[in-house]
């Protein structure tokens, strides 16, 4: 909801980003950069709610004048702000500012059930964690800007939000990288899955919600109505799930569900004992997750172990099986970011991989350039699954080696718009339409894959220098994984020998 006001000075994107970064810098010193998000985003969201309330309050007065009642005005506001809980009430507080802020945020959540949990779990009154002078500086920085719809045009706030996510990731490395997927990777994966108006979409490891936001952008750019999409996300981390809700609200969305919980142990999108089904299932889940819940997987009430139980110390294939399990029978498609190890690791994972290939669910494997992510430098690939594959791809898997399609960066490599277009065209059309070196592909029959013992290593099917380099790195990663498993097995053996009375 917005309304025009010609006298208002709209902020520029640069001004907004500069202000938000200054807010983050207000915390520098007492707060670790990896934790900035837990403090900055709730305060920014609180300011947005208050400024938006002020904007609509002024508009309601303009329309109704003295005839305005509380009942009439309630229809103007997307959120309720209880008395004494507005931004101004907190900002003018002189002592125990954190206590006042805690109370205000808690009461706003109570008054708006959709916002429960959205402000995270920071104890603003804890002066040992956040000295009052730092909190006041943070509030002062935001106090100087207006974040209502008249001062912030279109998706400026959403773009600035992503700017902060990126800056936090660069400032704090892996800790922030856990919840931030580079936008160019998200753009490519969403482009491949091609969300359509009316689609039901889920991200079972949604992090800050970036992939869900991108599906809205994709439908909008294609001329569709994004309001027809139904967005769903599950996230186990409280702070990150709160950030996802804020992210979607700040991008102008309201018809979505972000639920907190463990996707493996407690899937939250379930109806009458059965998993809900979706048209698009998309995720960049945590790689090689240990202690993910293998013990309960063999008797999973939702049947997600349809191809077997993954290793207890590596949940990669658990994510894949869960995502396939929630695909719709006709329109369902899955896009997931995975380390190359899932393409060739043996044992239980090898058996699951064989099962998935034999069921003809795997449509494509796209090897991406190295060093694209903040959280890892290992090579990764996009795996695309479909319930119903195109006729020309039935009984086949498309291999795309895009490892050389990148722009080198100081800390991370990136993919340009041209790289994304080329990779997408290769996937969609099954050919390298630009004819340039740096991208190779091949459509491979399942018989050939079976002849290779269901090893899906890209280098087995496409011989390029880039593929060879990726395979070497992937093999090293697998070697380190195997050594870790060997050490764990030796430890278990030692304990059993000691228990039996055999001492070394």
Protein backbone atom coordinates (compact mmCIF):
# COMPACT_ATOMS: atom_id res chain seq x y z
CA UNK A 1 0.00 0.00 0.00
CA UNK A 2 1.36 3.40 -1.01
CA UNK A 3 0.04 6.81 -1.82
CA UNK A 4 1.64 9.72 -3.64
CA UNK A 5 3.02 12.85 -1.97
CA UNK A 6 4.82 15.23 -4.31
CA UNK A 7 6.43 17.17 -1.45
CA UNK A 8 8.38 14.18 -0.12
CA UNK A 9 12.10 13.85 -0.95
CA UNK A 10 12.72 10.26 -2.01
CA UNK A 11 16.01 8.73 -0.84
CA UNK A 12 18.51 7.39 -3.33
CA UNK A 13 19.71 3.80 -3.13
CA UNK A 14 23.22 4.99 -2.27
CA UNK A 15 21.95 7.21 0.56
CA UNK A 16 19.94 4.35 2.00
CA UNK A 17 22.81 1.86 1.81
CA UNK A 18 25.20 4.38 3.37
CA UNK A 19 22.81 4.92 6.27
CA UNK A 20 22.29 1.22 6.87
CA UNK A 21 26.01 0.49 6.81
CA UNK A 22 26.55 3.31 9.32
CA UNK A 23 24.02 1.56 11.56
CA UNK A 24 26.08 -1.62 11.38
CA UNK A 25 29.25 0.31 12.19
CA UNK A 26 27.59 1.65 15.34
CA UNK A 27 27.91 -1.89 16.71
CA UNK A 28 31.52 -2.42 15.72
CA UNK A 29 33.63 -3.26 18.76
CA UNK A 30 31.22 -4.76 21.29
CA UNK A 31 29.46 -6.95 18.69
CA UNK A 32 31.09 -9.55 16.44
CA UNK A 33 30.51 -8.77 12.73
CA UNK A 34 28.97 -12.21 12.30
CA UNK A 35 26.25 -11.19 14.78
CA UNK A 36 25.47 -7.76 13.27
CA UNK A 37 22.44 -9.19 11.52
CA UNK A 38 20.76 -10.17 14.80
CA UNK A 39 20.84 -6.52 15.93
CA UNK A 40 20.61 -4.41 12.79
CA UNK A 41 17.77 -6.16 10.98
CA UNK A 42 15.22 -6.14 13.85
CA UNK A 43 15.86 -2.43 14.49
CA UNK A 44 15.57 -1.63 10.78
CA UNK A 45 12.33 -3.60 10.58
CA UNK A 46 10.97 -1.86 13.69
CA UNK A 47 11.74 1.54 12.15
CA UNK A 48 10.03 0.49 8.90
CA UNK A 49 6.89 -0.61 10.76
CA UNK A 50 6.75 2.64 12.74
CA UNK A 51 7.41 4.90 9.75
CA UNK A 52 4.85 3.04 7.66
CA UNK A 53 2.30 3.42 10.47
CA UNK A 54 2.99 7.18 10.60
CA UNK A 55 2.58 7.47 6.84
CA UNK A 56 -0.80 5.77 6.81
CA UNK A 57 -1.93 7.61 9.93
CA UNK A 58 -1.30 10.93 8.19
CA UNK A 59 -3.12 9.72 5.10
CA UNK A 60 -6.13 8.56 7.14
CA UNK A 61 -6.35 11.97 8.84
CA UNK A 62 -6.12 13.66 5.45
CA UNK A 63 -9.08 11.64 4.18
CA UNK A 64 -11.31 11.50 7.25
CA UNK A 65 -10.31 14.51 9.36
CA UNK A 66 -12.28 14.76 12.60
CA UNK A 67 -14.47 11.84 11.58
CA UNK A 68 -11.56 9.38 11.82
CA UNK A 69 -12.15 6.62 14.38
CA UNK A 70 -9.88 3.84 15.62
CA UNK A 71 -12.02 1.30 13.75
CA UNK A 72 -11.71 3.16 10.45
CA UNK A 73 -7.98 3.75 10.86
CA UNK A 74 -7.30 0.08 11.62
CA UNK A 75 -8.15 -0.72 8.01
CA UNK A 76 -5.29 1.47 6.81
CA UNK A 77 -2.50 -0.20 8.76
CA UNK A 78 -0.78 -3.48 7.82
CA UNK A 79 0.44 -3.79 11.44
CA UNK A 80 -0.85 -2.72 14.84
CA UNK A 81 1.42 -0.68 17.12
CA UNK A 82 0.20 -0.71 20.74
CA UNK A 83 0.27 2.50 22.76
CA UNK A 84 3.75 3.30 24.01
CA UNK A 85 5.45 0.95 21.54
CA UNK A 86 6.13 3.28 18.61
CA UNK A 87 9.69 4.02 17.53
CA UNK A 88 9.43 7.52 18.99
CA UNK A 89 8.54 6.09 22.40
CA UNK A 90 11.74 4.05 22.45
CA UNK A 91 14.02 6.67 20.90
CA UNK A 92 13.06 9.34 23.45
CA UNK A 93 13.79 6.97 26.36
CA UNK A 94 16.76 8.25 28.37
CA UNK A 95 17.70 5.33 30.63
CA UNK A 96 17.33 1.55 30.29
CA UNK A 97 16.68 1.93 26.58
CA UNK A 98 17.13 -1.81 26.02
CA UNK A 99 14.37 -2.64 28.50
CA UNK A 100 12.01 -0.26 26.71
CA UNK A 101 12.92 -1.73 23.31
CA UNK A 102 12.42 -5.29 24.58
CA UNK A 103 8.94 -4.41 25.84
CA UNK A 104 7.96 -2.60 22.64
CA UNK A 105 9.00 -5.43 20.33
CA UNK A 106 7.34 -8.08 22.49
CA UNK A 107 4.05 -6.17 22.59
CA UNK A 108 4.12 -5.59 18.83
CA UNK A 109 4.53 -9.33 18.29
CA UNK A 110 1.65 -10.03 20.67
CA UNK A 111 -0.57 -7.58 18.80
CA UNK A 112 0.36 -9.02 15.38
CA UNK A 113 0.34 -12.85 15.38
CA UNK A 114 1.97 -12.92 11.92
CA UNK A 115 5.02 -11.19 13.40
CA UNK A 116 5.66 -13.68 16.22
CA UNK A 117 9.39 -14.44 16.22
CA UNK A 118 10.20 -11.89 13.54
CA UNK A 119 12.40 -9.76 15.81
CA UNK A 120 14.60 -12.69 16.83
CA UNK A 121 15.76 -13.51 20.34
CA UNK A 122 18.18 -10.70 21.24
CA UNK A 123 17.95 -9.54 24.84
CA UNK A 124 18.20 -5.81 24.24
CA UNK A 125 18.38 -5.16 27.99
CA UNK A 126 21.66 -7.11 28.36
CA UNK A 127 24.18 -4.29 28.67
CA UNK A 128 27.07 -6.76 28.88
CA UNK A 129 26.38 -7.95 25.33
CA UNK A 130 25.29 -4.58 23.95
CA UNK A 131 26.34 -1.51 25.91
CA UNK A 132 23.63 1.13 26.09
CA UNK A 133 25.74 3.70 24.28
CA UNK A 134 26.06 1.30 21.29
CA UNK A 135 22.30 0.68 21.28
CA UNK A 136 21.61 4.41 21.39
CA UNK A 137 24.05 4.97 18.50
CA UNK A 138 22.27 2.26 16.49
CA UNK A 139 18.87 3.85 17.13
CA UNK A 140 20.20 7.33 16.33
CA UNK A 141 21.49 6.19 12.96
CA UNK A 142 18.10 4.86 11.90
CA UNK A 143 16.24 7.79 13.47
CA UNK A 144 17.61 10.09 10.80
CA UNK A 145 15.95 8.27 7.89
CA UNK A 146 12.36 7.69 6.88
CA UNK A 147 11.61 4.16 5.72
CA UNK A 148 7.95 4.62 4.80
CA UNK A 149 6.60 3.94 1.26
CA UNK A 150 6.80 7.64 0.33
CA UNK A 151 10.51 7.96 1.02
CA UNK A 152 11.53 4.52 -0.25
CA UNK A 153 10.56 3.69 -3.82
CA UNK A 154 9.81 0.22 -5.19
CA UNK A 155 12.21 -2.46 -3.99
CA UNK A 156 14.85 -0.08 -2.62
CA UNK A 157 14.57 -1.37 0.93
CA UNK A 158 14.75 -4.98 -0.23
CA UNK A 159 17.82 -4.19 -2.33
CA UNK A 160 19.44 -2.38 0.59
CA UNK A 161 18.66 -5.35 2.81
CA UNK A 162 20.50 -7.63 0.38
CA UNK A 163 23.37 -5.12 0.34
CA UNK A 164 23.72 -5.52 4.10
CA UNK A 165 23.56 -9.30 3.83
CA UNK A 166 26.37 -9.21 1.29
CA UNK A 167 28.47 -6.79 3.35
CA UNK A 168 28.01 -8.89 6.49
CA UNK A 169 29.05 -12.01 4.59
CA UNK A 170 32.19 -10.31 3.32
CA UNK A 171 32.99 -8.86 6.75
CA UNK A 172 32.57 -12.04 8.75
CA UNK A 173 33.28 -14.84 6.30
CA UNK A 174 31.81 -18.29 6.89
CA UNK A 175 29.57 -17.36 9.79
CA UNK A 176 27.55 -14.96 7.65
CA UNK A 177 27.97 -17.09 4.55
CA UNK A 178 25.86 -19.77 6.20
CA UNK A 179 22.76 -17.73 5.49
CA UNK A 180 23.71 -15.91 2.31
CA UNK A 181 23.69 -17.45 -1.17
CA UNK A 182 25.26 -15.18 -3.84
CA UNK A 183 22.52 -13.55 -5.85
CA UNK A 184 23.89 -14.64 -9.22
CA UNK A 185 23.68 -18.30 -8.16
CA UNK A 186 20.13 -17.81 -6.91
CA UNK A 187 19.21 -16.02 -10.14
CA UNK A 188 20.52 -18.89 -12.26
CA UNK A 189 18.78 -21.62 -10.24
CA UNK A 190 15.44 -19.80 -10.23
CA UNK A 191 15.74 -19.09 -13.95
CA UNK A 192 16.22 -22.82 -14.59
CA UNK A 193 13.19 -23.78 -12.49
CA UNK A 194 11.07 -21.09 -14.20
CA UNK A 195 8.38 -20.38 -11.57
CA UNK A 196 4.97 -19.67 -13.09
CA UNK A 197 2.01 -17.62 -11.83
CA UNK A 198 0.01 -19.70 -9.37
CA UNK A 199 2.91 -21.97 -8.42
CA UNK A 200 3.32 -23.23 -4.86
CA UNK A 201 7.00 -22.86 -3.95
CA UNK A 202 8.99 -24.12 -0.96
CA UNK A 203 12.55 -23.78 0.30
CA UNK A 204 13.15 -26.37 3.07
CA UNK A 205 16.39 -24.65 4.14
CA UNK A 206 15.33 -21.09 3.40
CA UNK A 207 17.96 -19.14 5.34
CA UNK A 208 17.23 -15.44 4.84
CA UNK A 209 14.61 -16.14 2.16
CA UNK A 210 16.61 -14.93 -0.84
CA UNK A 211 15.54 -17.76 -3.13
CA UNK A 212 11.86 -17.16 -2.38
CA UNK A 213 12.27 -13.45 -3.13
CA UNK A 214 13.94 -14.28 -6.46
CA UNK A 215 10.95 -16.38 -7.55
CA UNK A 216 8.80 -13.26 -7.16
CA UNK A 217 11.28 -11.26 -9.24
CA UNK A 218 11.33 -13.92 -11.96
CA UNK A 219 7.54 -14.01 -12.32
CA UNK A 220 7.36 -10.21 -12.33
CA UNK A 221 10.04 -9.88 -15.02
CA UNK A 222 8.18 -12.41 -17.17
CA UNK A 223 5.04 -10.27 -17.01
CA UNK A 224 3.16 -12.53 -14.59
CA UNK A 225 1.30 -11.62 -11.41
CA UNK A 226 3.56 -12.47 -8.44
CA UNK A 227 0.61 -12.14 -6.05
CA UNK A 228 -0.60 -15.52 -7.30
CA UNK A 229 2.49 -17.31 -5.96
CA UNK A 230 2.32 -19.17 -2.65
CA UNK A 231 5.69 -19.03 -0.89
CA UNK A 232 6.76 -21.38 1.90
CA UNK A 233 10.03 -21.75 3.78
CA UNK A 234 11.39 -23.74 6.71
CA UNK A 235 14.47 -22.75 8.70
CA UNK A 236 15.86 -24.27 11.89
CA UNK A 237 17.74 -21.20 13.16
CA UNK A 238 15.59 -18.71 15.09
CA UNK A 239 17.51 -15.57 14.08
CA UNK A 240 17.73 -16.60 10.46
CA UNK A 241 14.04 -17.55 10.23
CA UNK A 242 13.20 -14.12 11.64
CA UNK A 243 15.43 -12.51 9.01
CA UNK A 244 13.61 -14.47 6.29
CA UNK A 245 10.26 -13.08 7.46
CA UNK A 246 11.66 -9.56 7.56
CA UNK A 247 13.20 -9.98 4.12
CA UNK A 248 9.90 -10.99 2.55
CA UNK A 249 7.95 -8.22 4.28
CA UNK A 250 10.55 -5.63 3.24
CA UNK A 251 10.24 -6.81 -0.37
CA UNK A 252 6.54 -5.97 -0.22
CA UNK A 253 5.28 -9.52 0.24
CA UNK A 254 2.62 -10.63 2.70
CA UNK A 255 1.18 -13.93 1.44
CA UNK A 256 3.87 -16.34 2.63
CA UNK A 257 4.66 -18.82 5.39
CA UNK A 258 8.04 -19.11 7.09
CA UNK A 259 8.03 -21.83 9.71
CA UNK A 260 10.79 -22.61 12.13
CA UNK A 261 11.87 -26.19 12.73
CA UNK A 262 14.12 -29.09 11.77
CA UNK A 263 13.16 -30.15 8.25
CA UNK A 264 14.31 -33.76 8.82
CA UNK A 265 12.94 -34.36 12.30
CA UNK A 266 9.93 -32.05 12.12
CA UNK A 267 8.83 -31.08 8.61
CA UNK A 268 6.40 -28.23 9.13
CA UNK A 269 4.44 -28.37 5.88
CA UNK A 270 2.29 -31.42 6.54
CA UNK A 271 -1.46 -31.95 6.09
CA UNK A 272 -3.30 -34.92 7.62
CA UNK A 273 -0.07 -36.84 8.14
CA UNK A 274 1.22 -36.35 4.59
CA UNK A 275 3.82 -33.98 3.24
CA UNK A 276 2.44 -31.00 1.34
CA UNK A 277 3.40 -31.00 -2.35
CA UNK A 278 4.83 -28.10 -4.34
CA UNK A 279 5.45 -27.09 -7.94
CA UNK A 280 8.91 -25.68 -7.23
CA UNK A 281 11.28 -26.98 -4.54
CA UNK A 282 14.49 -24.98 -4.27
CA UNK A 283 17.34 -24.88 -1.74
CA UNK A 284 20.98 -24.28 -0.96
CA UNK A 285 21.07 -26.48 2.17
CA UNK A 286 24.03 -26.81 4.55
CA UNK A 287 26.56 -29.20 3.00
CA UNK A 288 27.56 -32.49 4.62
CA UNK A 289 25.39 -31.91 7.68
CA UNK A 290 26.32 -34.20 10.57
CA UNK A 291 23.88 -35.56 13.16
CA UNK A 292 21.00 -34.73 10.87
CA UNK A 293 18.69 -37.43 12.21
CA UNK A 294 19.56 -40.66 10.40
CA UNK A 295 18.29 -42.79 13.29
CA UNK A 296 14.68 -41.87 12.55
CA UNK A 297 14.99 -41.83 8.78
CA UNK A 298 14.57 -45.57 8.19
CA UNK A 299 11.12 -45.38 9.81
CA UNK A 300 10.28 -41.95 8.47
CA UNK A 301 6.48 -41.65 8.59
CA UNK A 302 6.52 -39.58 5.40
CA UNK A 303 8.38 -42.15 3.30
CA UNK A 304 11.33 -39.92 2.49
CA UNK A 305 13.83 -42.79 2.69
CA UNK A 306 12.42 -44.21 -0.54
CA UNK A 307 15.92 -44.77 -1.90
CA UNK A 308 17.63 -45.67 1.37
CA UNK A 309 19.06 -44.03 4.47
CA UNK A 310 22.02 -41.64 3.96
CA UNK A 311 25.10 -41.85 6.22
CA UNK A 312 24.59 -40.56 9.74
CA UNK A 313 27.43 -38.06 9.32
CA UNK A 314 26.38 -36.63 5.97
CA UNK A 315 22.86 -35.38 5.24
CA UNK A 316 23.36 -34.32 1.61
CA UNK A 317 21.14 -37.05 0.17
CA UNK A 318 18.59 -36.57 2.95
CA UNK A 319 18.01 -33.06 1.60
CA UNK A 320 17.70 -34.42 -1.93
CA UNK A 321 15.25 -37.16 -0.93
CA UNK A 322 13.16 -34.75 1.13
CA UNK A 323 12.96 -32.28 -1.75
CA UNK A 324 11.97 -34.96 -4.25
CA UNK A 325 9.35 -36.24 -1.80
CA UNK A 326 7.54 -32.88 -1.77
CA UNK A 327 7.43 -32.43 -5.56
CA UNK A 328 4.02 -32.47 -7.18
CA UNK A 329 3.43 -35.43 -9.46
CA UNK A 330 2.81 -33.44 -12.64
CA UNK A 331 4.51 -30.05 -12.37
CA UNK A 332 7.09 -30.75 -9.66
CA UNK A 333 10.69 -29.72 -10.20
CA UNK A 334 13.61 -29.51 -7.79
CA UNK A 335 16.71 -27.36 -7.91
CA UNK A 336 19.36 -27.86 -5.24
CA UNK A 337 22.94 -26.72 -4.71
CA UNK A 338 25.23 -29.59 -3.73
CA UNK A 339 28.96 -30.32 -3.34
CA UNK A 340 30.46 -32.51 -6.07
CA UNK A 341 30.89 -35.35 -3.59
CA UNK A 342 27.24 -36.36 -4.05
CA UNK A 343 28.09 -37.20 -7.66
CA UNK A 344 30.57 -39.95 -6.88
CA UNK A 345 30.74 -40.92 -3.20
CA UNK A 346 30.12 -44.63 -2.67
CA UNK A 347 28.53 -46.74 0.04
CA UNK A 348 25.02 -45.75 1.08
CA UNK A 349 25.20 -42.59 -1.00
CA UNK A 350 26.16 -44.56 -4.07
CA UNK A 351 23.12 -46.79 -3.62
CA UNK A 352 20.79 -43.81 -3.23
CA UNK A 353 22.31 -42.12 -6.29
CA UNK A 354 21.77 -45.28 -8.35
CA UNK A 355 18.15 -45.47 -7.19
CA UNK A 356 17.44 -41.86 -8.17
CA UNK A 357 19.00 -42.32 -11.60
CA UNK A 358 17.13 -45.55 -12.24
CA UNK A 359 13.86 -43.85 -11.32
CA UNK A 360 14.72 -41.31 -14.05
CA UNK A 361 14.18 -38.36 -11.70
CA UNK A 362 17.50 -36.60 -12.38
CA UNK A 363 17.25 -34.26 -15.35
CA UNK A 364 20.49 -32.25 -15.25
CA UNK A 365 23.78 -31.67 -13.45
CA UNK A 366 25.38 -28.25 -13.88
CA UNK A 367 28.91 -27.84 -12.60
CA UNK A 368 29.50 -24.27 -11.41
CA UNK A 369 32.77 -22.29 -11.13
CA UNK A 370 34.88 -22.59 -8.00
CA UNK A 371 34.88 -20.08 -5.16
CA UNK A 372 31.43 -18.58 -5.68
CA UNK A 373 30.30 -18.93 -2.07
CA UNK A 374 31.29 -17.21 1.15
CA UNK A 375 31.00 -20.40 3.17
CA UNK A 376 33.12 -22.76 1.03
CA UNK A 377 35.67 -22.77 -1.78
CA UNK A 378 34.89 -26.34 -2.87
CA UNK A 379 33.30 -26.89 -6.29
CA UNK A 380 29.52 -27.14 -6.29
CA UNK A 381 26.87 -28.21 -8.76
CA UNK A 382 23.20 -27.58 -9.40
CA UNK A 383 21.12 -30.77 -9.48
CA UNK A 384 17.79 -30.53 -11.28
CA UNK A 385 15.13 -33.19 -10.69
CA UNK A 386 11.68 -33.51 -12.29
CA UNK A 387 8.73 -35.80 -11.68
CA UNK A 388 7.87 -35.63 -15.36
CA UNK A 389 10.87 -35.05 -17.63
CA UNK A 390 10.52 -33.72 -21.19
CA UNK A 391 10.15 -36.54 -23.71
CA UNK A 392 13.49 -35.79 -25.33
CA UNK A 393 15.25 -36.12 -21.97
CA UNK A 394 13.52 -39.24 -20.70
CA UNK A 395 16.10 -41.94 -19.98
CA UNK A 396 18.94 -39.37 -20.14
CA UNK A 397 20.81 -36.91 -17.93
CA UNK A 398 22.11 -33.57 -19.20
CA UNK A 399 25.65 -32.78 -18.01
CA UNK A 400 26.75 -29.13 -18.23
CA UNK A 401 30.30 -28.07 -17.36
CA UNK A 402 30.14 -24.33 -16.65
CA UNK A 403 33.22 -24.24 -14.41
CA UNK A 404 35.00 -21.72 -16.65
CA UNK A 405 32.08 -19.27 -16.90
CA UNK A 406 32.99 -16.69 -14.25
CA UNK A 407 34.62 -13.36 -13.51
CA UNK A 408 37.53 -13.54 -11.10
CA UNK A 409 37.13 -11.49 -7.93
CA UNK A 410 39.37 -10.54 -5.03
CA UNK A 411 37.60 -12.72 -2.47
CA UNK A 412 34.94 -14.57 -4.46
CA UNK A 413 34.35 -15.27 -8.11
CA UNK A 414 31.09 -14.16 -9.72
CA UNK A 415 28.98 -15.02 -12.73
CA UNK A 416 27.94 -12.20 -15.02
CA UNK A 417 24.50 -11.81 -16.59
CA UNK A 418 26.01 -13.15 -19.81
CA UNK A 419 27.33 -16.22 -17.97
CA UNK A 420 23.91 -16.86 -16.47
CA UNK A 421 22.16 -16.47 -19.82
CA UNK A 422 24.63 -18.83 -21.50
CA UNK A 423 24.31 -21.51 -18.80
CA UNK A 424 20.53 -21.24 -18.78
CA UNK A 425 20.36 -21.50 -22.57
CA UNK A 426 22.59 -24.56 -22.46
CA UNK A 427 20.23 -26.20 -19.95
CA UNK A 428 17.02 -25.18 -21.72
CA UNK A 429 18.09 -25.97 -25.29
CA UNK A 430 20.67 -28.67 -24.71
CA UNK A 431 23.32 -26.88 -26.73
CA UNK A 432 25.98 -24.20 -26.38
CA UNK A 433 24.30 -21.52 -28.46
CA UNK A 434 27.12 -18.97 -28.25
CA UNK A 435 29.77 -21.45 -29.38
CA UNK A 436 32.36 -20.04 -26.98
CA UNK A 437 34.86 -22.11 -25.07
CA UNK A 438 34.19 -22.17 -21.35
CA UNK A 439 30.99 -24.16 -21.49
CA UNK A 440 30.54 -27.79 -22.50
CA UNK A 441 27.58 -30.09 -22.28
CA UNK A 442 26.39 -33.55 -23.20
CA UNK A 443 23.10 -35.48 -22.97
CA UNK A 444 23.98 -38.95 -21.65
CA UNK A 445 21.89 -42.13 -21.80
CA UNK A 446 21.19 -43.94 -18.53
CA UNK A 447 22.80 -47.06 -19.99
CA UNK A 448 26.14 -45.28 -20.17
CA UNK A 449 25.74 -44.03 -16.60
CA UNK A 450 24.95 -47.56 -15.44
CA UNK A 451 28.10 -48.73 -17.23
CA UNK A 452 30.04 -46.29 -15.07
CA UNK A 453 28.50 -47.81 -11.93
CA UNK A 454 26.25 -44.74 -11.59
CA UNK A 455 29.20 -42.43 -11.00
CA UNK A 456 28.00 -38.96 -12.05
CA UNK A 457 31.35 -37.19 -11.97
CA UNK A 458 31.14 -34.59 -14.72
CA UNK A 459 34.66 -35.42 -15.92
CA UNK A 460 33.52 -38.96 -16.83
CA UNK A 461 31.18 -37.59 -19.46
CA UNK A 462 32.76 -34.28 -20.49
CA UNK A 463 36.52 -34.07 -20.92
CA UNK A 464 37.77 -30.53 -20.42
CA UNK A 465 40.58 -28.97 -18.44
CA UNK A 466 38.04 -27.28 -16.17
CA UNK A 467 36.29 -30.59 -15.51
CA UNK A 468 39.60 -32.25 -14.71
CA UNK A 469 40.50 -29.51 -12.24
CA UNK A 470 37.10 -29.75 -10.57
CA UNK A 471 37.39 -33.54 -10.37
CA UNK A 472 40.77 -33.26 -8.65
CA UNK A 473 39.38 -30.86 -6.05
CA UNK A 474 36.31 -33.02 -5.58
CA UNK A 475 38.48 -36.11 -5.16
CA UNK A 476 40.55 -34.31 -2.52
CA UNK A 477 37.37 -33.35 -0.68
CA UNK A 478 36.21 -36.97 -0.82
CA UNK A 479 39.61 -38.11 0.45
CA UNK A 480 39.37 -35.82 3.48
CA UNK A 481 35.80 -37.03 4.14
CA UNK A 482 36.97 -40.64 3.98
CA UNK A 483 39.86 -39.97 6.36
CA UNK A 484 37.48 -38.37 8.85
CA UNK A 485 35.16 -41.37 8.66
CA UNK A 486 38.11 -43.73 9.12
CA UNK A 487 39.25 -41.86 12.23
CA UNK A 488 35.74 -42.01 13.65
CA UNK A 489 35.52 -45.75 12.97
CA UNK A 490 38.92 -46.35 14.60
CA UNK A 491 37.78 -44.41 17.67
CA UNK A 492 34.64 -46.56 17.96
CA UNK A 493 36.76 -49.71 17.57
CA UNK A 494 39.18 -48.54 20.28
CA UNK A 495 36.30 -47.91 22.67
CA UNK A 496 34.83 -51.36 22.02
CA UNK A 497 38.21 -53.05 22.50
CA UNK A 498 38.71 -51.23 25.78
CA UNK A 499 35.26 -52.23 26.94
CA UNK A 500 36.11 -55.86 26.13
CA UNK A 501 39.30 -55.65 28.20
CA UNK A 502 41.80 -55.24 25.37
CA UNK A 503 44.19 -52.40 26.12
CA UNK A 504 46.70 -51.13 23.61
